[in-house]
C-alpha atoms as a PDB file:
ATOM      1  CA  UNK A   1     137.982 112.667  95.985  1.00  0.00           C
ATOM      2  CA  UNK A   2     139.169 114.738  98.979  1.00  0.00           C
ATOM      3  CA  UNK A   3     136.490 117.332  98.261  1.00  0.00           C
ATOM      4  CA  UNK A   4     133.804 114.613  98.277  1.00  0.00           C
ATOM      5  CA  UNK A   5     135.085 113.164 101.564  1.00  0.00           C
ATOM      6  CA  UNK A   6     135.100 116.621 103.140  1.00  0.00           C
ATOM      7  CA  UNK A   7     131.542 117.226 101.932  1.00  0.00           C
ATOM      8  CA  UNK A   8     130.398 113.882 103.374  1.00  0.00           C
ATOM      9  CA  UNK A   9     132.191 114.576 106.641  1.00  0.00           C
ATOM     10  CA  UNK A  10     130.906 118.122 106.972  1.00  0.00           C
ATOM     11  CA  UNK A  11     127.304 117.484 105.884  1.00  0.00           C
ATOM     12  CA  UNK A  12     124.867 118.698 108.526  1.00  0.00           C
ATOM     13  CA  UNK A  13     122.137 116.069 108.745  1.00  0.00           C
ATOM     14  CA  UNK A  14     120.487 117.799 111.676  1.00  0.00           C
ATOM     15  CA  UNK A  15     120.198 121.114 109.852  1.00  0.00           C
ATOM     16  CA  UNK A  16     119.131 119.459 106.628  1.00  0.00           C
ATOM     17  CA  UNK A  17     115.463 119.589 105.712  1.00  0.00           C
ATOM     18  CA  UNK A  18     115.613 115.847 104.998  1.00  0.00           C
ATOM     19  CA  UNK A  19     116.727 114.948 108.506  1.00  0.00           C
ATOM     20  CA  UNK A  20     115.619 117.099 111.428  1.00  0.00           C
ATOM     21  CA  UNK A  21     116.842 117.201 115.009  1.00  0.00           C
ATOM     22  CA  UNK A  22     113.629 115.400 116.019  1.00  0.00           C
ATOM     23  CA  UNK A  23     114.389 112.657 113.487  1.00  0.00           C
ATOM     24  CA  UNK A  24     117.858 112.253 114.946  1.00  0.00           C
ATOM     25  CA  UNK A  25     116.495 112.031 118.496  1.00  0.00           C
ATOM     26  CA  UNK A  26     113.902 109.486 117.392  1.00  0.00           C
ATOM     27  CA  UNK A  27     116.560 107.442 115.598  1.00  0.00           C
ATOM     28  CA  UNK A  28     118.786 107.442 118.704  1.00  0.00           C
ATOM     29  CA  UNK A  29     115.829 106.376 120.877  1.00  0.00           C
ATOM     30  CA  UNK A  30     115.190 103.422 118.569  1.00  0.00           C
ATOM     31  CA  UNK A  31     118.855 102.429 118.551  1.00  0.00           C
ATOM     32  CA  UNK A  32     118.874 102.470 122.366  1.00  0.00           C
ATOM     33  CA  UNK A  33     115.713 100.346 122.458  1.00  0.00           C
ATOM     34  CA  UNK A  34     117.455  97.677 120.389  1.00  0.00           C
ATOM     35  CA  UNK A  35     121.046  97.956 121.612  1.00  0.00           C
ATOM     36  CA  UNK A  36     120.482  97.941 125.366  1.00  0.00           C
ATOM     37  CA  UNK A  37     118.342  94.747 125.594  1.00  0.00           C
ATOM     38  CA  UNK A  38     120.385  93.071 122.850  1.00  0.00           C
ATOM     39  CA  UNK A  39     123.818  93.728 124.331  1.00  0.00           C
ATOM     40  CA  UNK A  40     123.118  93.844 128.078  1.00  0.00           C
ATOM     41  CA  UNK A  41     120.954  91.199 129.704  1.00  0.00           C
ATOM     42  CA  UNK A  42     121.986  92.082 133.244  1.00  0.00           C
ATOM     43  CA  UNK A  43     121.436  93.753 135.557  1.00  0.00           C
ATOM     44  CA  UNK A  44     117.792  93.637 134.565  1.00  0.00           C
ATOM     45  CA  UNK A  45     116.918  96.628 136.698  1.00  0.00           C
ATOM     46  CA  UNK A  46     119.344  98.838 134.756  1.00  0.00           C
ATOM     47  CA  UNK A  47     118.130  97.566 131.386  1.00  0.00           C
ATOM     48  CA  UNK A  48     114.517  98.030 132.500  1.00  0.00           C
ATOM     49  CA  UNK A  49     115.106 101.576 133.719  1.00  0.00           C
ATOM     50  CA  UNK A  50     116.782 102.556 130.447  1.00  0.00           C
ATOM     51  CA  UNK A  51     114.006 100.996 128.347  1.00  0.00           C
ATOM     52  CA  UNK A  52     111.259 102.632 130.431  1.00  0.00           C
ATOM     53  CA  UNK A  53     113.089 105.982 130.354  1.00  0.00           C
ATOM     54  CA  UNK A  54     113.112 105.883 126.553  1.00  0.00           C
ATOM     55  CA  UNK A  55     109.447 104.837 126.523  1.00  0.00           C
ATOM     56  CA  UNK A  56     108.646 107.909 128.622  1.00  0.00           C
ATOM     57  CA  UNK A  57     110.814 110.135 126.420  1.00  0.00           C
ATOM     58  CA  UNK A  58     109.045 108.971 123.276  1.00  0.00           C
ATOM     59  CA  UNK A  59     105.603 109.259 124.911  1.00  0.00           C
ATOM     60  CA  UNK A  60     106.380 112.854 125.849  1.00  0.00           C
ATOM     61  CA  UNK A  61     108.025 113.941 122.599  1.00  0.00           C
ATOM     62  CA  UNK A  62     106.532 112.019 119.663  1.00  0.00           C
ATOM     63  CA  UNK A  63     103.150 110.960 118.360  1.00  0.00           C
ATOM     64  CA  UNK A  64     101.358 108.781 115.858  1.00  0.00           C
ATOM     65  CA  UNK A  65     103.228 106.042 114.060  1.00  0.00           C
ATOM     66  CA  UNK A  66     106.437 106.876 115.883  1.00  0.00           C
ATOM     67  CA  UNK A  67     104.973 105.302 119.033  1.00  0.00           C
ATOM     68  CA  UNK A  68     104.576 101.835 117.525  1.00  0.00           C
ATOM     69  CA  UNK A  69     108.193 100.717 116.943  1.00  0.00           C
ATOM     70  CA  UNK A  70     109.313 101.901 120.352  1.00  0.00           C
ATOM     71  CA  UNK A  71     106.908  99.564 122.171  1.00  0.00           C
ATOM     72  CA  UNK A  72     107.953  96.539 120.107  1.00  0.00           C
ATOM     73  CA  UNK A  73     111.710  96.954 119.697  1.00  0.00           C
ATOM     74  CA  UNK A  74     112.911  96.019 123.223  1.00  0.00           C
ATOM     75  CA  UNK A  75     111.284  92.586 123.260  1.00  0.00           C
ATOM     76  CA  UNK A  76     112.370  91.946 119.668  1.00  0.00           C
ATOM     77  CA  UNK A  77     115.917  92.704 120.795  1.00  0.00           C
ATOM     78  CA  UNK A  78     115.513  90.234 123.679  1.00  0.00           C
ATOM     79  CA  UNK A  79     114.288  87.580 121.223  1.00  0.00           C
ATOM     80  CA  UNK A  80     117.217  88.331 118.926  1.00  0.00           C
ATOM     81  CA  UNK A  81     119.577  88.100 121.886  1.00  0.00           C
ATOM     82  CA  UNK A  82     118.228  84.634 122.665  1.00  0.00           C
ATOM     83  CA  UNK A  83     118.753  83.558 119.059  1.00  0.00           C
ATOM     84  CA  UNK A  84     122.260  85.019 118.744  1.00  0.00           C
ATOM     85  CA  UNK A  85     123.810  84.671 122.190  1.00  0.00           C
ATOM     86  CA  UNK A  86     121.983  81.922 123.993  1.00  0.00           C
ATOM     87  CA  UNK A  87     119.063  79.593 124.054  1.00  0.00           C
ATOM     88  CA  UNK A  88     115.850  81.229 122.956  1.00  0.00           C
ATOM     89  CA  UNK A  89     113.224  80.088 125.408  1.00  0.00           C
ATOM     90  CA  UNK A  90     109.682  79.671 124.253  1.00  0.00           C
ATOM     91  CA  UNK A  91     108.630  81.579 127.372  1.00  0.00           C
ATOM     92  CA  UNK A  92     110.063  84.792 125.961  1.00  0.00           C
ATOM     93  CA  UNK A  93     108.636  84.063 122.530  1.00  0.00           C
ATOM     94  CA  UNK A  94     105.131  83.516 123.926  1.00  0.00           C
ATOM     95  CA  UNK A  95     105.310  86.478 126.292  1.00  0.00           C
ATOM     96  CA  UNK A  96     106.602  89.039 123.738  1.00  0.00           C
ATOM     97  CA  UNK A  97     103.177  90.180 122.433  1.00  0.00           C
ATOM     98  CA  UNK A  98     102.032  90.833 125.998  1.00  0.00           C
ATOM     99  CA  UNK A  99     105.138  92.917 126.641  1.00  0.00           C
ATOM    100  CA  UNK A 100     104.307  94.911 123.498  1.00  0.00           C
ATOM    101  CA  UNK A 101     100.822  95.533 124.832  1.00  0.00           C
ATOM    102  CA  UNK A 102     102.177  96.485 128.254  1.00  0.00           C
ATOM    103  CA  UNK A 103     104.611  98.980 126.720  1.00  0.00           C
ATOM    104  CA  UNK A 104     101.745 100.400 124.656  1.00  0.00           C
ATOM    105  CA  UNK A 105      99.648 100.709 127.830  1.00  0.00           C
ATOM    106  CA  UNK A 106     102.536 102.548 129.484  1.00  0.00           C
ATOM    107  CA  UNK A 107     103.122 104.977 126.598  1.00  0.00           C
ATOM    108  CA  UNK A 108      99.457 105.603 125.851  1.00  0.00           C
ATOM    109  CA  UNK A 109      98.661 105.864 129.545  1.00  0.00           C
ATOM    110  CA  UNK A 110     101.231 108.615 129.969  1.00  0.00           C
ATOM    111  CA  UNK A 111      99.816 110.475 126.994  1.00  0.00           C
ATOM    112  CA  UNK A 112      96.210 109.983 128.143  1.00  0.00           C
ATOM    113  CA  UNK A 113      96.823 111.225 131.678  1.00  0.00           C
ATOM    114  CA  UNK A 114      98.772 114.227 130.430  1.00  0.00           C
ATOM    115  CA  UNK A 115      95.906 115.135 128.083  1.00  0.00           C
ATOM    116  CA  UNK A 116      93.669 114.945 131.165  1.00  0.00           C
ATOM    117  CA  UNK A 117      96.034 117.516 132.754  1.00  0.00           C
ATOM    118  CA  UNK A 118      97.556 115.197 135.340  1.00  0.00           C
ATOM    119  CA  UNK A 119     100.964 116.171 136.688  1.00  0.00           C
ATOM    120  CA  UNK A 120     103.868 114.265 135.105  1.00  0.00           C
ATOM    121  CA  UNK A 121     104.648 112.242 138.220  1.00  0.00           C
ATOM    122  CA  UNK A 122     101.021 111.091 138.605  1.00  0.00           C
ATOM    123  CA  UNK A 123     100.849 110.294 134.926  1.00  0.00           C
ATOM    124  CA  UNK A 124     104.055 108.243 135.056  1.00  0.00           C
ATOM    125  CA  UNK A 125     103.047 106.505 138.285  1.00  0.00           C
ATOM    126  CA  UNK A 126      99.551 105.528 137.171  1.00  0.00           C
ATOM    127  CA  UNK A 127     100.834 104.336 133.802  1.00  0.00           C
ATOM    128  CA  UNK A 128     103.493 102.243 135.561  1.00  0.00           C
ATOM    129  CA  UNK A 129     100.785 100.693 137.741  1.00  0.00           C
ATOM    130  CA  UNK A 130      98.609  99.901 134.720  1.00  0.00           C
ATOM    131  CA  UNK A 131     101.528  98.364 132.826  1.00  0.00           C
ATOM    132  CA  UNK A 132     102.528  96.269 135.841  1.00  0.00           C
ATOM    133  CA  UNK A 133      98.973  95.164 136.612  1.00  0.00           C
ATOM    134  CA  UNK A 134      98.535  93.984 133.030  1.00  0.00           C
ATOM    135  CA  UNK A 135     101.848  92.105 132.884  1.00  0.00           C
ATOM    136  CA  UNK A 136     101.461  90.583 136.347  1.00  0.00           C
ATOM    137  CA  UNK A 137      97.940  89.380 135.523  1.00  0.00           C
ATOM    138  CA  UNK A 138      99.138  87.715 132.337  1.00  0.00           C
ATOM    139  CA  UNK A 139     102.121  86.198 134.166  1.00  0.00           C
ATOM    140  CA  UNK A 140      99.789  84.867 136.876  1.00  0.00           C
ATOM    141  CA  UNK A 141      97.670  83.120 134.249  1.00  0.00           C
ATOM    142  CA  UNK A 142     100.720  81.647 132.532  1.00  0.00           C
ATOM    143  CA  UNK A 143     102.302  80.470 135.793  1.00  0.00           C
ATOM    144  CA  UNK A 144      99.116  78.921 137.143  1.00  0.00           C
ATOM    145  CA  UNK A 145      97.640  77.408 133.987  1.00  0.00           C
ATOM    146  CA  UNK A 146     100.570  76.830 131.655  1.00  0.00           C
ATOM    147  CA  UNK A 147     103.266  76.055 134.235  1.00  0.00           C
ATOM    148  CA  UNK A 148     105.583  78.898 133.377  1.00  0.00           C
ATOM    149  CA  UNK A 149     108.381  79.373 135.937  1.00  0.00           C
ATOM    150  CA  UNK A 150     107.269  81.328 139.005  1.00  0.00           C
ATOM    151  CA  UNK A 151     110.121  83.795 138.440  1.00  0.00           C
ATOM    152  CA  UNK A 152     107.863  85.393 135.815  1.00  0.00           C
ATOM    153  CA  UNK A 153     105.698  86.728 138.635  1.00  0.00           C
ATOM    154  CA  UNK A 154     108.603  88.688 140.063  1.00  0.00           C
ATOM    155  CA  UNK A 155     109.908  89.780 136.651  1.00  0.00           C
ATOM    156  CA  UNK A 156     106.488  90.946 135.500  1.00  0.00           C
ATOM    157  CA  UNK A 157     105.447  92.404 138.834  1.00  0.00           C
ATOM    158  CA  UNK A 158     107.734  94.189 141.260  1.00  0.00           C
ATOM    159  CA  UNK A 159     110.599  94.506 138.769  1.00  0.00           C
ATOM    160  CA  UNK A 160     108.369  96.108 136.113  1.00  0.00           C
ATOM    161  CA  UNK A 161     106.864  98.529 138.577  1.00  0.00           C
ATOM    162  CA  UNK A 162     110.237  99.446 140.058  1.00  0.00           C
ATOM    163  CA  UNK A 163     111.963 100.048 136.743  1.00  0.00           C
ATOM    164  CA  UNK A 164     109.072 102.147 135.404  1.00  0.00           C
ATOM    165  CA  UNK A 165     108.914 104.277 138.561  1.00  0.00           C
ATOM    166  CA  UNK A 166     112.685 104.766 138.689  1.00  0.00           C
ATOM    167  CA  UNK A 167     112.682 105.723 135.000  1.00  0.00           C
ATOM    168  CA  UNK A 168     109.941 108.263 135.718  1.00  0.00           C
ATOM    169  CA  UNK A 169     111.962 109.777 138.552  1.00  0.00           C
ATOM    170  CA  UNK A 170     115.048 110.005 136.324  1.00  0.00           C
ATOM    171  CA  UNK A 171     113.018 111.561 133.521  1.00  0.00           C
ATOM    172  CA  UNK A 172     111.598 114.197 135.850  1.00  0.00           C
ATOM    173  CA  UNK A 173     115.092 114.908 137.174  1.00  0.00           C
ATOM    174  CA  UNK A 174     116.563 115.274 133.697  1.00  0.00           C
ATOM    175  CA  UNK A 175     113.720 117.563 132.665  1.00  0.00           C
ATOM    176  CA  UNK A 176     114.305 119.743 135.730  1.00  0.00           C
ATOM    177  CA  UNK A 177     118.054 119.969 134.985  1.00  0.00           C
ATOM    178  CA  UNK A 178     117.412 120.651 131.278  1.00  0.00           C
ATOM    179  CA  UNK A 179     115.199 123.630 132.130  1.00  0.00           C
ATOM    180  CA  UNK A 180     117.834 125.270 134.336  1.00  0.00           C
END
């Protein structure tokens, strides 16, 4: 029994061929994308920066099917938070698919601009603008035609742009420190 416990404790998942270091990093990124929005609703700017930072990290380090969960998980966590810890508003439920699309625009934009040989900061900045323009446009339609609260304009406009840009700055800073 002790020998089995020691083997379980000492097993190196990262060095194992079944579970690579990249798999571990991807798993941690997904856990963050669920845990942060699920457990911390405020301050929104901090939650947004963390989520956008992980979106950038995944855009820069993974490809293919690994991009899909990362764009969906944060808003699913917000929906789950509303179900578990408070009233789930239909606003969040209706807006979730648009947030998925906006996150996909952000991630794919970063990848597209980098393929086109743009510098990281331009790539992050333009992708943040595209994500924000999309979300703000959708919010504008919902506020004007479906009487959503006007706070959606701020949340899907300036706040989105700010958190994405701050996350980009942090990512660039961490990359610079990592290379030292």
